PDB file of N, CA and C in Angstrom:
ATOM      1  N   MET A   1     252.918 102.668 -69.017  1.00  0.00           N
ATOM      2  CA  MET A   1     252.409 101.860 -67.710  1.00  0.00           C
ATOM      3  C   MET A   1     250.358 102.458 -68.659  1.00  0.00           C
ATOM      4  N   ASP A   2     249.989 101.592 -67.898  1.00  0.00           N
ATOM      5  CA  ASP A   2     248.502 102.210 -68.495  1.00  0.00           C
ATOM      6  C   ASP A   2     247.945 102.580 -66.578  1.00  0.00           C
ATOM      7  N   ILE A   3     247.032 103.536 -66.791  1.00  0.00           N
ATOM      8  CA  ILE A   3     246.404 103.962 -66.539  1.00  0.00           C
ATOM      9  C   ILE A   3     245.709 103.556 -64.921  1.00  0.00           C
ATOM     10  N   PRO A   4     245.839 102.625 -64.237  1.00  0.00           N
ATOM     11  CA  PRO A   4     244.519 101.640 -63.563  1.00  0.00           C
ATOM     12  C   PRO A   4     243.495 102.234 -63.873  1.00  0.00           C
ATOM     13  N   THR A   5     242.255 101.709 -63.512  1.00  0.00           N
ATOM     14  CA  THR A   5     240.550 102.275 -63.531  1.00  0.00           C
ATOM     15  C   THR A   5     240.343 102.911 -61.981  1.00  0.00           C
ATOM     16  N   VAL A   6     240.154 103.816 -62.526  1.00  0.00           N
ATOM     17  CA  VAL A   6     239.401 105.368 -61.826  1.00  0.00           C
ATOM     18  C   VAL A   6     238.462 105.813 -61.093  1.00  0.00           C
ATOM     19  N   LYS A   7     237.823 105.443 -59.964  1.00  0.00           N
ATOM     20  CA  LYS A   7     236.367 105.601 -59.496  1.00  0.00           C
ATOM     21  C   LYS A   7     236.276 107.240 -59.547  1.00  0.00           C
ATOM     22  N   ASN A   8     236.839 107.862 -59.532  1.00  0.00           N
ATOM     23  CA  ASN A   8     236.663 109.132 -59.327  1.00  0.00           C
ATOM     24  C   ASN A   8     236.882 109.660 -60.419  1.00  0.00           C
ATOM     25  N   GLU A   9     236.868 110.229 -61.525  1.00  0.00           N
ATOM     26  CA  GLU A   9     237.954 110.589 -62.374  1.00  0.00           C
ATOM     27  C   GLU A   9     238.246 112.301 -62.485  1.00  0.00           C
ATOM     28  N   GLU A  10     237.065 112.967 -62.105  1.00  0.00           N
ATOM     29  CA  GLU A  10     237.303 114.620 -61.761  1.00  0.00           C
ATOM     30  C   GLU A  10     238.076 114.202 -60.346  1.00  0.00           C
ATOM     31  N   GLN A  11     238.473 113.721 -60.065  1.00  0.00           N
ATOM     32  CA  GLN A  11     239.608 113.900 -58.695  1.00  0.00           C
ATOM     33  C   GLN A  11     240.764 113.598 -59.038  1.00  0.00           C
ATOM     34  N   TYR A  12     240.804 112.740 -59.855  1.00  0.00           N
ATOM     35  CA  TYR A  12     242.035 112.179 -60.616  1.00  0.00           C
ATOM     36  C   TYR A  12     242.576 113.554 -61.525  1.00  0.00           C
ATOM     37  N   GLU A  13     241.673 113.963 -62.732  1.00  0.00           N
ATOM     38  CA  GLU A  13     241.897 114.622 -63.143  1.00  0.00           C
ATOM     39  C   GLU A  13     242.785 115.921 -62.118  1.00  0.00           C
ATOM     40  N   ALA A  14     241.767 116.708 -61.260  1.00  0.00           N
ATOM     41  CA  ALA A  14     242.270 117.400 -60.173  1.00  0.00           C
ATOM     42  C   ALA A  14     243.691 117.509 -60.469  1.00  0.00           C
ATOM     43  N   LEU A  15     243.674 116.286 -59.210  1.00  0.00           N
ATOM     44  CA  LEU A  15     245.435 115.758 -59.046  1.00  0.00           C
ATOM     45  C   LEU A  15     246.498 116.140 -60.067  1.00  0.00           C
ATOM     46  N   ARG A  16     246.177 115.068 -60.812  1.00  0.00           N
ATOM     47  CA  ARG A  16     247.211 115.377 -61.932  1.00  0.00           C
ATOM     48  C   ARG A  16     247.637 116.585 -62.874  1.00  0.00           C
ATOM     49  N   ASP A  17     246.298 117.692 -62.286  1.00  0.00           N
ATOM     50  CA  ASP A  17     246.425 119.378 -63.125  1.00  0.00           C
ATOM     51  C   ASP A  17     247.763 119.877 -62.219  1.00  0.00           C
ATOM     52  N   LYS A  18     247.341 118.750 -60.975  1.00  0.00           N
ATOM     53  CA  LYS A  18     248.508 119.332 -59.435  1.00  0.00           C
ATOM     54  C   LYS A  18     249.754 119.176 -59.894  1.00  0.00           C
ATOM     55  N   GLY A  19     249.965 118.458 -60.863  1.00  0.00           N
ATOM     56  CA  GLY A  19     251.634 117.704 -60.061  1.00  0.00           C
ATOM     57  C   GLY A  19     251.596 116.463 -60.317  1.00  0.00           C
ATOM     58  N   TYR A  20     250.457 115.698 -59.002  1.00  0.00           N
ATOM     59  CA  TYR A  20     251.023 114.370 -59.320  1.00  0.00           C
ATOM     60  C   TYR A  20     251.166 113.470 -60.503  1.00  0.00           C
ATOM     61  N   SER A  21     252.040 112.456 -59.687  1.00  0.00           N
ATOM     62  CA  SER A  21     251.937 111.252 -60.584  1.00  0.00           C
ATOM     63  C   SER A  21     250.780 110.117 -60.767  1.00  0.00           C
ATOM     64  N   LYS A  22     250.132 110.026 -62.929  1.00  0.00           N
ATOM     65  CA  LYS A  22     249.093 109.096 -62.485  1.00  0.00           C
ATOM     66  C   LYS A  22     248.956 107.796 -61.421  1.00  0.00           C
ATOM     67  N   GLU A  23     250.017 106.595 -61.419  1.00  0.00           N
ATOM     68  CA  GLU A  23     249.741 106.679 -59.780  1.00  0.00           C
ATOM     69  C   GLU A  23     248.986 106.721 -58.467  1.00  0.00           C
ATOM     70  N   LYS A  24     249.937 107.896 -58.282  1.00  0.00           N
ATOM     71  CA  LYS A  24     249.282 108.721 -56.298  1.00  0.00           C
ATOM     72  C   LYS A  24     248.000 109.264 -57.231  1.00  0.00           C
ATOM     73  N   SER A  25     247.666 109.642 -58.231  1.00  0.00           N
ATOM     74  CA  SER A  25     246.531 110.241 -58.337  1.00  0.00           C
ATOM     75  C   SER A  25     245.075 109.007 -58.324  1.00  0.00           C
ATOM     76  N   ALA A  26     245.588 107.922 -58.961  1.00  0.00           N
ATOM     77  CA  ALA A  26     244.812 106.615 -59.400  1.00  0.00           C
ATOM     78  C   ALA A  26     244.550 106.589 -57.945  1.00  0.00           C
ATOM     79  N   ARG A  27     245.385 106.593 -57.374  1.00  0.00           N
ATOM     80  CA  ARG A  27     245.093 105.775 -55.470  1.00  0.00           C
ATOM     81  C   ARG A  27     244.319 106.699 -54.862  1.00  0.00           C
ATOM     82  N   ILE A  28     244.972 108.166 -55.101  1.00  0.00           N
ATOM     83  CA  ILE A  28     244.645 108.814 -54.299  1.00  0.00           C
ATOM     84  C   ILE A  28     242.116 109.203 -54.282  1.00  0.00           C
ATOM     85  N   ALA A  29     242.369 109.202 -56.029  1.00  0.00           N
ATOM     86  CA  ALA A  29     240.304 108.984 -56.142  1.00  0.00           C
ATOM     87  C   ALA A  29     240.221 107.400 -55.977  1.00  0.00           C
ATOM     88  N   ASN A  30     240.927 106.633 -55.757  1.00  0.00           N
ATOM     89  CA  ASN A  30     240.424 105.723 -55.521  1.00  0.00           C
ATOM     90  C   ASN A  30     239.742 105.037 -54.178  1.00  0.00           C
ATOM     91  N   THR A  31     240.391 105.939 -53.170  1.00  0.00           N
ATOM     92  CA  THR A  31     240.373 105.512 -52.081  1.00  0.00           C
ATOM     93  C   THR A  31     238.484 106.349 -51.663  1.00  0.00           C
ATOM     94  N   PRO A  32     238.155 105.539 -50.824  1.00  0.00           N
ATOM     95  CA  PRO A  32     236.993 106.027 -50.602  1.00  0.00           C
ATOM     96  C   PRO A  32     237.418 107.327 -49.230  1.00  0.00           C
ATOM     97  N   ASP A  33     235.608 108.114 -49.823  1.00  0.00           N
ATOM     98  CA  ASP A  33     236.010 109.171 -49.052  1.00  0.00           C
ATOM     99  C   ASP A  33     237.219 110.307 -49.361  1.00  0.00           C
ATOM    100  N   ALA A  34     237.357 109.996 -50.029  1.00  0.00           N
ATOM    101  CA  ALA A  34     239.413 110.756 -50.269  1.00  0.00           C
ATOM    102  C   ALA A  34     238.163 112.431 -50.391  1.00  0.00           C
ATOM    103  N   GLY A  35     239.230 113.126 -50.429  1.00  0.00           N
ATOM    104  CA  GLY A  35     238.922 114.489 -50.360  1.00  0.00           C
ATOM    105  C   GLY A  35     238.419 115.450 -49.559  1.00  0.00           C
ATOM    106  N   LYS A  36     237.213 114.321 -49.454  1.00  0.00           N
ATOM    107  CA  LYS A  36     236.254 114.671 -47.947  1.00  0.00           C
ATOM    108  C   LYS A  36     236.489 115.491 -47.032  1.00  0.00           C
ATOM    109  N   LYS A  37     236.103 116.627 -46.259  1.00  0.00           N
ATOM    110  CA  LYS A  37     236.483 117.284 -45.482  1.00  0.00           C
ATOM    111  C   LYS A  37     235.793 116.087 -43.868  1.00  0.00           C
ATOM    112  N   GLY A  38     236.120 116.752 -43.126  1.00  0.00           N
ATOM    113  CA  GLY A  38     235.688 116.573 -41.450  1.00  0.00           C
ATOM    114  C   GLY A  38     236.692 116.797 -40.421  1.00  0.00           C
ATOM    115  N   GLY A  39     237.943 116.337 -40.814  1.00  0.00           N
ATOM    116  CA  GLY A  39     239.336 116.483 -39.448  1.00  0.00           C
ATOM    117  C   GLY A  39     238.818 115.280 -38.579  1.00  0.00           C
ATOM    118  N   LYS A  40     237.802 114.650 -38.688  1.00  0.00           N
ATOM    119  CA  LYS A  40     237.731 113.958 -37.302  1.00  0.00           C
ATOM    120  C   LYS A  40     238.316 112.493 -37.090  1.00  0.00           C
ATOM    121  N   SER A  41     239.753 112.862 -37.245  1.00  0.00           N
ATOM    122  CA  SER A  41     240.330 111.215 -37.593  1.00  0.00           C
ATOM    123  C   SER A  41     241.501 112.274 -36.297  1.00  0.00           C
ATOM    124  N   LYS A  42     242.190 110.878 -35.687  1.00  0.00           N
ATOM    125  CA  LYS A  42     243.134 111.372 -34.794  1.00  0.00           C
ATOM    126  C   LYS A  42     244.627 111.368 -35.872  1.00  0.00           C
ATOM    127  N   PRO A  43     245.226 112.784 -34.719  1.00  0.00           N
ATOM    128  CA  PRO A  43     246.758 112.628 -36.104  1.00  0.00           C
ATOM    129  C   PRO A  43     247.244 110.639 -35.290  1.00  0.00           C
ATOM    130  N   TYR A  44     248.266 110.745 -36.586  1.00  0.00           N
ATOM    131  CA  TYR A  44     248.453 108.842 -36.808  1.00  0.00           C
ATOM    132  C   TYR A  44     249.530 108.953 -35.482  1.00  0.00           C
ATOM    133  N   GLU A  45     249.708 109.734 -34.556  1.00  0.00           N
ATOM    134  CA  GLU A  45     250.901 109.589 -33.836  1.00  0.00           C
ATOM    135  C   GLU A  45     249.783 108.574 -32.308  1.00  0.00           C
ATOM    136  N   ASP A  46     248.199 108.778 -32.581  1.00  0.00           N
ATOM    137  CA  ASP A  46     247.443 107.997 -31.522  1.00  0.00           C
ATOM    138  C   ASP A  46     247.585 107.308 -32.134  1.00  0.00           C
ATOM    139  N   TRP A  47     247.759 107.066 -33.435  1.00  0.00           N
ATOM    140  CA  TRP A  47     246.622 105.279 -34.187  1.00  0.00           C
ATOM    141  C   TRP A  47     247.513 104.069 -33.621  1.00  0.00           C
ATOM    142  N   ASN A  48     247.193 102.991 -33.358  1.00  0.00           N
ATOM    143  CA  ASN A  48     248.252 101.949 -33.065  1.00  0.00           C
ATOM    144  C   ASN A  48     249.019 101.427 -34.511  1.00  0.00           C
ATOM    145  N   LYS A  49     249.560 100.599 -34.443  1.00  0.00           N
ATOM    146  CA  LYS A  49     250.754  99.782 -35.945  1.00  0.00           C
ATOM    147  C   LYS A  49     249.627  99.065 -36.624  1.00  0.00           C
ATOM    148  N   GLN A  50     249.162  98.654 -36.064  1.00  0.00           N
ATOM    149  CA  GLN A  50     247.825  97.231 -37.187  1.00  0.00           C
ATOM    150  C   GLN A  50     246.752  98.544 -37.349  1.00  0.00           C
ATOM    151  N   ASP A  51     246.865  99.959 -37.491  1.00  0.00           N
ATOM    152  CA  ASP A  51     245.769 100.773 -38.211  1.00  0.00           C
ATOM    153  C   ASP A  51     246.479 100.906 -39.229  1.00  0.00           C
ATOM    154  N   LEU A  52     247.603 101.604 -38.543  1.00  0.00           N
ATOM    155  CA  LEU A  52     248.431 102.500 -39.929  1.00  0.00           C
ATOM    156  C   LEU A  52     248.755 101.569 -40.890  1.00  0.00           C
ATOM    157  N   TYR A  53     249.625 100.248 -40.188  1.00  0.00           N
ATOM    158  CA  TYR A  53     249.246  99.765 -41.387  1.00  0.00           C
ATOM    159  C   TYR A  53     248.392  98.919 -42.422  1.00  0.00           C
ATOM    160  N   GLY A  54     247.362  99.236 -42.025  1.00  0.00           N
ATOM    161  CA  GLY A  54     246.077  98.873 -42.616  1.00  0.00           C
ATOM    162  C   GLY A  54     245.724 100.808 -43.715  1.00  0.00           C
ATOM    163  N   GLN A  55     245.888 101.673 -43.216  1.00  0.00           N
ATOM    164  CA  GLN A  55     246.279 102.843 -44.255  1.00  0.00           C
ATOM    165  C   GLN A  55     247.169 103.005 -45.038  1.00  0.00           C
ATOM    166  N   ALA A  56     248.057 101.934 -44.597  1.00  0.00           N
ATOM    167  CA  ALA A  56     249.448 102.005 -45.113  1.00  0.00           C
ATOM    168  C   ALA A  56     249.054 101.268 -46.614  1.00  0.00           C
ATOM    169  N   GLN A  57     248.095  99.458 -46.262  1.00  0.00           N
ATOM    170  CA  GLN A  57     248.074  99.070 -47.422  1.00  0.00           C
ATOM    171  C   GLN A  57     246.927  99.296 -48.445  1.00  0.00           C
ATOM    172  N   LYS A  58     246.100 100.360 -47.430  1.00  0.00           N
ATOM    173  CA  LYS A  58     244.910 101.082 -48.204  1.00  0.00           C
ATOM    174  C   LYS A  58     245.602 101.627 -49.872  1.00  0.00           C
ATOM    175  N   VAL A  59     246.487 102.416 -49.581  1.00  0.00           N
ATOM    176  CA  VAL A  59     247.023 103.590 -50.340  1.00  0.00           C
ATOM    177  C   VAL A  59     248.445 102.601 -51.080  1.00  0.00           C
ATOM    178  N   GLY A  60     248.337 101.064 -50.860  1.00  0.00           N
ATOM    179  CA  GLY A  60     250.044 101.120 -51.320  1.00  0.00           C
ATOM    180  C   GLY A  60     250.802 101.603 -51.241  1.00  0.00           C
ATOM    181  N   ILE A  61     251.955 101.582 -49.809  1.00  0.00           N
ATOM    182  CA  ILE A  61     252.554 101.790 -49.946  1.00  0.00           C
ATOM    183  C   ILE A  61     253.534 100.734 -49.790  1.00  0.00           C
ATOM    184  N   PRO A  62     254.500 100.949 -50.766  1.00  0.00           N
ATOM    185  CA  PRO A  62     255.735  99.433 -50.806  1.00  0.00           C
ATOM    186  C   PRO A  62     256.169  99.229 -49.832  1.00  0.00           C
ATOM    187  N   GLY A  63     256.450  97.968 -48.914  1.00  0.00           N
ATOM    188  CA  GLY A  63     257.895  97.427 -47.846  1.00  0.00           C
ATOM    189  C   GLY A  63     257.151  98.241 -46.505  1.00  0.00           C
ATOM    190  N   ARG A  64     255.957  98.458 -46.196  1.00  0.00           N
ATOM    191  CA  ARG A  64     254.552  98.208 -45.119  1.00  0.00           C
ATOM    192  C   ARG A  64     254.931  96.974 -44.296  1.00  0.00           C
ATOM    193  N   SER A  65     255.205  95.996 -44.871  1.00  0.00           N
ATOM    194  CA  SER A  65     255.447  95.381 -43.655  1.00  0.00           C
ATOM    195  C   SER A  65     256.424  95.077 -43.011  1.00  0.00           C
ATOM    196  N   LYS A  66     257.671  95.120 -43.290  1.00  0.00           N
ATOM    197  CA  LYS A  66     258.621  96.077 -42.795  1.00  0.00           C
ATOM    198  C   LYS A  66     259.155  96.865 -41.797  1.00  0.00           C
ATOM    199  N   MET A  67     258.470  97.683 -41.973  1.00  0.00           N
ATOM    200  CA  MET A  67     258.000  99.376 -41.104  1.00  0.00           C
ATOM    201  C   MET A  67     257.687  99.149 -39.372  1.00  0.00           C
ATOM    202  N   ASN A  68     258.408 100.234 -39.111  1.00  0.00           N
ATOM    203  CA  ASN A  68     257.922 100.041 -37.409  1.00  0.00           C
ATOM    204  C   ASN A  68     256.938 101.212 -37.284  1.00  0.00           C
ATOM    205  N   LYS A  69     256.044 101.060 -36.514  1.00  0.00           N
ATOM    206  CA  LYS A  69     254.595 102.861 -36.595  1.00  0.00           C
ATOM    207  C   LYS A  69     255.887 103.985 -36.279  1.00  0.00           C
ATOM    208  N   ALA A  70     257.132 104.763 -36.478  1.00  0.00           N
ATOM    209  CA  ALA A  70     257.197 105.572 -37.092  1.00  0.00           C
ATOM    210  C   ALA A  70     257.589 106.102 -38.019  1.00  0.00           C
ATOM    211  N   GLU A  71     258.157 104.880 -38.817  1.00  0.00           N
ATOM    212  CA  GLU A  71     258.787 104.563 -40.349  1.00  0.00           C
ATOM    213  C   GLU A  71     256.651 104.693 -41.279  1.00  0.00           C
ATOM    214  N   LEU A  72     255.776 103.641 -40.828  1.00  0.00           N
ATOM    215  CA  LEU A  72     254.578 104.257 -40.974  1.00  0.00           C
ATOM    216  C   LEU A  72     254.150 105.092 -40.801  1.00  0.00           C
ATOM    217  N   ILE A  73     253.994 105.991 -40.223  1.00  0.00           N
ATOM    218  CA  ILE A  73     253.460 107.619 -39.765  1.00  0.00           C
ATOM    219  C   ILE A  73     254.320 108.563 -40.612  1.00  0.00           C
ATOM    220  N   HIS A  74     255.512 108.150 -40.681  1.00  0.00           N
ATOM    221  CA  HIS A  74     256.787 108.856 -42.085  1.00  0.00           C
ATOM    222  C   HIS A  74     256.055 108.972 -44.095  1.00  0.00           C
ATOM    223  N   ALA A  75     255.932 107.441 -43.641  1.00  0.00           N
ATOM    224  CA  ALA A  75     255.736 106.987 -45.373  1.00  0.00           C
ATOM    225  C   ALA A  75     254.234 107.281 -45.412  1.00  0.00           C
ATOM    226  N   LEU A  76     253.123 107.437 -44.730  1.00  0.00           N
ATOM    227  CA  LEU A  76     251.725 108.242 -44.756  1.00  0.00           C
ATOM    228  C   LEU A  76     251.478 109.395 -45.130  1.00  0.00           C
ATOM    229  N   ARG A  77     252.688 110.291 -44.519  1.00  0.00           N
ATOM    230  CA  ARG A  77     252.468 111.463 -44.293  1.00  0.00           C
ATOM    231  C   ARG A  77     252.903 112.464 -45.779  1.00  0.00           C
ATOM    232  N   ASN A  78     253.959 111.042 -46.658  1.00  0.00           N
ATOM    233  CA  ASN A  78     255.210 111.549 -47.266  1.00  0.00           C
ATOM    234  C   ASN A  78     254.898 110.818 -48.826  1.00  0.00           C
ATOM    235  N   ASN A  79     253.502 110.459 -49.086  1.00  0.00           N
ATOM    236  CA  ASN A  79     253.550 109.306 -49.983  1.00  0.00           C
ATOM    237  C   ASN A  79     252.660 110.289 -51.001  1.00  0.00           C
TER     238      ASN A  79
END
């Protein structure tokens, strides 16, 4: 498997060093503003299903179209 194009190589390598898979490291490193602290986002329970789905789409969670709100939250937290 080839490594996808990575926008933040430094973050990608740091994630790989922590034991993350190539795919997950690339997904995180390619997410805009990934790793920036701020804590301004509401807990997933306060998001609507459409927003949860959009976030799941951004991070590439498979099967998201068939998930309910609770399943999307679980998948986002455990991805």
